[in-house]
Amino acid sequence: MIRYMCDMCKREIDPVSETRYQVKIEISAAFDPIEEDEPDDRDHLEEIHDLLERFEVHDAEAFEPAHVVLTFDLCSQCRKRFLRNPLGRGAVRVMGMSDN
């Protein structure tokens, strides 16, 4: 038998007696459409050269995948919490130093 765990609270989800919810988050690079009024006489080799120069600078983000899909299992209680705050805003508190 397959065992399911809630990825938020780590509680086991019994598929016989309760509903298991699946959250899929898809992250893709957003590209603006090419405008048709751009000149056709662009120097494509120069553009490629510029891109390669940017990659030579140790830019780790340049080598990350442009498309990622994350999948999580949630119990019914965590599903409700997730829907109230799907981006987790305010979940991480910034620790500040006192003025002492």
C-alpha atoms as a PDB file:
ATOM      1  CA  MET A   1       0.000   0.000   0.000  1.00  0.00           C
ATOM      2  CA  ILE A   2       1.261   3.471  -0.878  1.00  0.00           C
ATOM      3  CA  ARG A   3       1.670   5.841   2.063  1.00  0.00           C
ATOM      4  CA  TYR A   4       1.057   9.546   1.538  1.00  0.00           C
ATOM      5  CA  MET A   5       2.409  12.286   3.776  1.00  0.00           C
ATOM      6  CA  CYS A   6       1.302  15.911   3.857  1.00  0.00           C
ATOM      7  CA  ASP A   7       4.253  17.968   2.664  1.00  0.00           C
ATOM      8  CA  MET A   8       3.344  20.837   5.008  1.00  0.00           C
ATOM      9  CA  CYS A   9       2.547  19.228   8.360  1.00  0.00           C
ATOM     10  CA  LYS A  10       4.189  15.824   7.677  1.00  0.00           C
ATOM     11  CA  ARG A  11       1.064  13.989   8.871  1.00  0.00           C
ATOM     12  CA  GLU A  12       0.160  10.725   7.140  1.00  0.00           C
ATOM     13  CA  ILE A  13      -2.846  11.027   4.812  1.00  0.00           C
ATOM     14  CA  ASP A  14      -5.133   8.009   4.778  1.00  0.00           C
ATOM     15  CA  PRO A  15      -6.498   7.862   1.183  1.00  0.00           C
ATOM     16  CA  VAL A  16      -9.382   5.632   2.296  1.00  0.00           C
ATOM     17  CA  SER A  17     -10.854   8.007   4.883  1.00  0.00           C
ATOM     18  CA  GLU A  18      -9.727  11.468   3.705  1.00  0.00           C
ATOM     19  CA  THR A  19      -8.996  13.410   0.571  1.00  0.00           C
ATOM     20  CA  ARG A  20      -5.416  13.980  -0.486  1.00  0.00           C
ATOM     21  CA  TYR A  21      -4.887  17.232  -2.351  1.00  0.00           C
ATOM     22  CA  GLN A  22      -2.124  17.744  -4.869  1.00  0.00           C
ATOM     23  CA  VAL A  23      -0.590  21.170  -5.471  1.00  0.00           C
ATOM     24  CA  LYS A  24       1.421  21.674  -8.643  1.00  0.00           C
ATOM     25  CA  ILE A  25       3.497  24.805  -8.988  1.00  0.00           C
ATOM     26  CA  GLU A  26       4.853  25.553 -12.431  1.00  0.00           C
ATOM     27  CA  ILE A  27       7.631  28.113 -12.746  1.00  0.00           C
ATOM     28  CA  SER A  28       8.653  29.295 -16.208  1.00  0.00           C
ATOM     29  CA  ALA A  29      10.785  32.093 -17.552  1.00  0.00           C
ATOM     30  CA  ALA A  30       8.571  34.862 -18.897  1.00  0.00           C
ATOM     31  CA  PHE A  31       9.574  36.318 -22.217  1.00  0.00           C
ATOM     32  CA  ASP A  32       8.057  39.393 -23.759  1.00  0.00           C
ATOM     33  CA  PRO A  33       6.869  38.940 -27.325  1.00  0.00           C
ATOM     34  CA  ILE A  34       9.132  40.249 -30.050  1.00  0.00           C
ATOM     35  CA  GLU A  35       7.776  43.441 -31.464  1.00  0.00           C
ATOM     36  CA  GLU A  36       7.199  43.340 -35.186  1.00  0.00           C
ATOM     37  CA  ASP A  37       8.516  46.848 -35.738  1.00  0.00           C
ATOM     38  CA  GLU A  38      12.060  45.854 -34.724  1.00  0.00           C
ATOM     39  CA  PRO A  39      14.529  46.223 -37.578  1.00  0.00           C
ATOM     40  CA  ASP A  40      15.405  43.056 -39.482  1.00  0.00           C
ATOM     41  CA  ASP A  41      19.036  44.106 -39.809  1.00  0.00           C
ATOM     42  CA  ARG A  42      19.931  43.029 -36.258  1.00  0.00           C
ATOM     43  CA  ASP A  43      23.406  41.604 -35.753  1.00  0.00           C
ATOM     44  CA  HIS A  44      22.503  38.166 -34.430  1.00  0.00           C
ATOM     45  CA  LEU A  45      26.142  37.123 -34.002  1.00  0.00           C
ATOM     46  CA  GLU A  46      26.770  40.180 -31.833  1.00  0.00           C
ATOM     47  CA  GLU A  47      23.709  39.330 -29.724  1.00  0.00           C
ATOM     48  CA  ILE A  48      24.965  35.750 -29.259  1.00  0.00           C
ATOM     49  CA  HIS A  49      28.405  37.088 -28.338  1.00  0.00           C
ATOM     50  CA  ASP A  50      26.857  39.390 -25.713  1.00  0.00           C
ATOM     51  CA  LEU A  51      24.886  36.474 -24.244  1.00  0.00           C
ATOM     52  CA  LEU A  52      27.982  34.277 -24.050  1.00  0.00           C
ATOM     53  CA  GLU A  53      29.909  37.068 -22.317  1.00  0.00           C
ATOM     54  CA  ARG A  54      27.164  37.330 -19.711  1.00  0.00           C
ATOM     55  CA  PHE A  55      27.366  33.569 -19.116  1.00  0.00           C
ATOM     56  CA  GLU A  56      31.128  33.786 -18.605  1.00  0.00           C
ATOM     57  CA  VAL A  57      30.524  35.988 -15.595  1.00  0.00           C
ATOM     58  CA  HIS A  58      29.814  33.406 -12.909  1.00  0.00           C
ATOM     59  CA  ASP A  59      26.065  33.849 -13.066  1.00  0.00           C
ATOM     60  CA  ALA A  60      24.549  30.751 -11.473  1.00  0.00           C
ATOM     61  CA  GLU A  61      21.040  31.862 -12.440  1.00  0.00           C
ATOM     62  CA  ALA A  62      21.975  31.658 -16.118  1.00  0.00           C
ATOM     63  CA  PHE A  63      22.369  27.890 -15.817  1.00  0.00           C
ATOM     64  CA  GLU A  64      19.219  27.167 -13.832  1.00  0.00           C
ATOM     65  CA  PRO A  65      16.376  25.510 -15.732  1.00  0.00           C
ATOM     66  CA  ALA A  66      13.871  27.947 -17.241  1.00  0.00           C
ATOM     67  CA  HIS A  67      10.965  25.614 -16.483  1.00  0.00           C
ATOM     68  CA  VAL A  68      10.372  23.786 -13.189  1.00  0.00           C
ATOM     69  CA  VAL A  69       7.305  21.888 -11.952  1.00  0.00           C
ATOM     70  CA  LEU A  70       6.959  21.204  -8.232  1.00  0.00           C
ATOM     71  CA  THR A  71       4.326  18.809  -6.843  1.00  0.00           C
ATOM     72  CA  PHE A  72       3.189  18.591  -3.219  1.00  0.00           C
ATOM     73  CA  ASP A  73       0.610  16.501  -1.339  1.00  0.00           C
ATOM     74  CA  LEU A  74      -1.563  18.291   1.214  1.00  0.00           C
ATOM     75  CA  CYS A  75      -4.081  17.178   3.800  1.00  0.00           C
ATOM     76  CA  SER A  76      -7.410  19.012   3.966  1.00  0.00           C
ATOM     77  CA  GLN A  77      -6.307  21.340   6.796  1.00  0.00           C
ATOM     78  CA  CYS A  78      -3.088  22.342   5.042  1.00  0.00           C
ATOM     79  CA  ARG A  79      -4.994  22.820   1.784  1.00  0.00           C
ATOM     80  CA  LYS A  80      -7.136  25.450   3.534  1.00  0.00           C
ATOM     81  CA  ARG A  81      -4.036  27.172   4.941  1.00  0.00           C
ATOM     82  CA  PHE A  82      -2.347  27.087   1.530  1.00  0.00           C
ATOM     83  CA  LEU A  83      -5.365  28.615  -0.228  1.00  0.00           C
ATOM     84  CA  ARG A  84      -5.492  31.476   2.300  1.00  0.00           C
ATOM     85  CA  ASN A  85      -1.844  32.379   1.625  1.00  0.00           C
ATOM     86  CA  PRO A  86      -0.466  30.545  -1.454  1.00  0.00           C
ATOM     87  CA  LEU A  87       2.692  32.669  -1.690  1.00  0.00           C
ATOM     88  CA  GLY A  88       3.513  32.374   1.993  1.00  0.00           C
ATOM     89  CA  ARG A  89       3.621  36.141   2.470  1.00  0.00           C
ATOM     90  CA  GLY A  90       4.527  37.077   5.996  1.00  0.00           C
ATOM     91  CA  ALA A  91       5.489  33.494   6.839  1.00  0.00           C
ATOM     92  CA  VAL A  92       9.164  34.389   7.206  1.00  0.00           C
ATOM     93  CA  ARG A  93       9.830  37.006   9.824  1.00  0.00           C
ATOM     94  CA  VAL A  94      12.911  39.150   9.436  1.00  0.00           C
ATOM     95  CA  MET A  95      14.993  39.104  12.575  1.00  0.00           C
ATOM     96  CA  GLY A  96      16.014  42.626  13.483  1.00  0.00           C
ATOM     97  CA  MET A  97      18.629  43.868  15.888  1.00  0.00           C
ATOM     98  CA  SER A  98      17.625  46.030  18.851  1.00  0.00           C
ATOM     99  CA  ASP A  99      18.815  49.608  19.117  1.00  0.00           C
ATOM    100  CA  ASN A 100      20.794  48.813  22.318  1.00  0.00           C
END
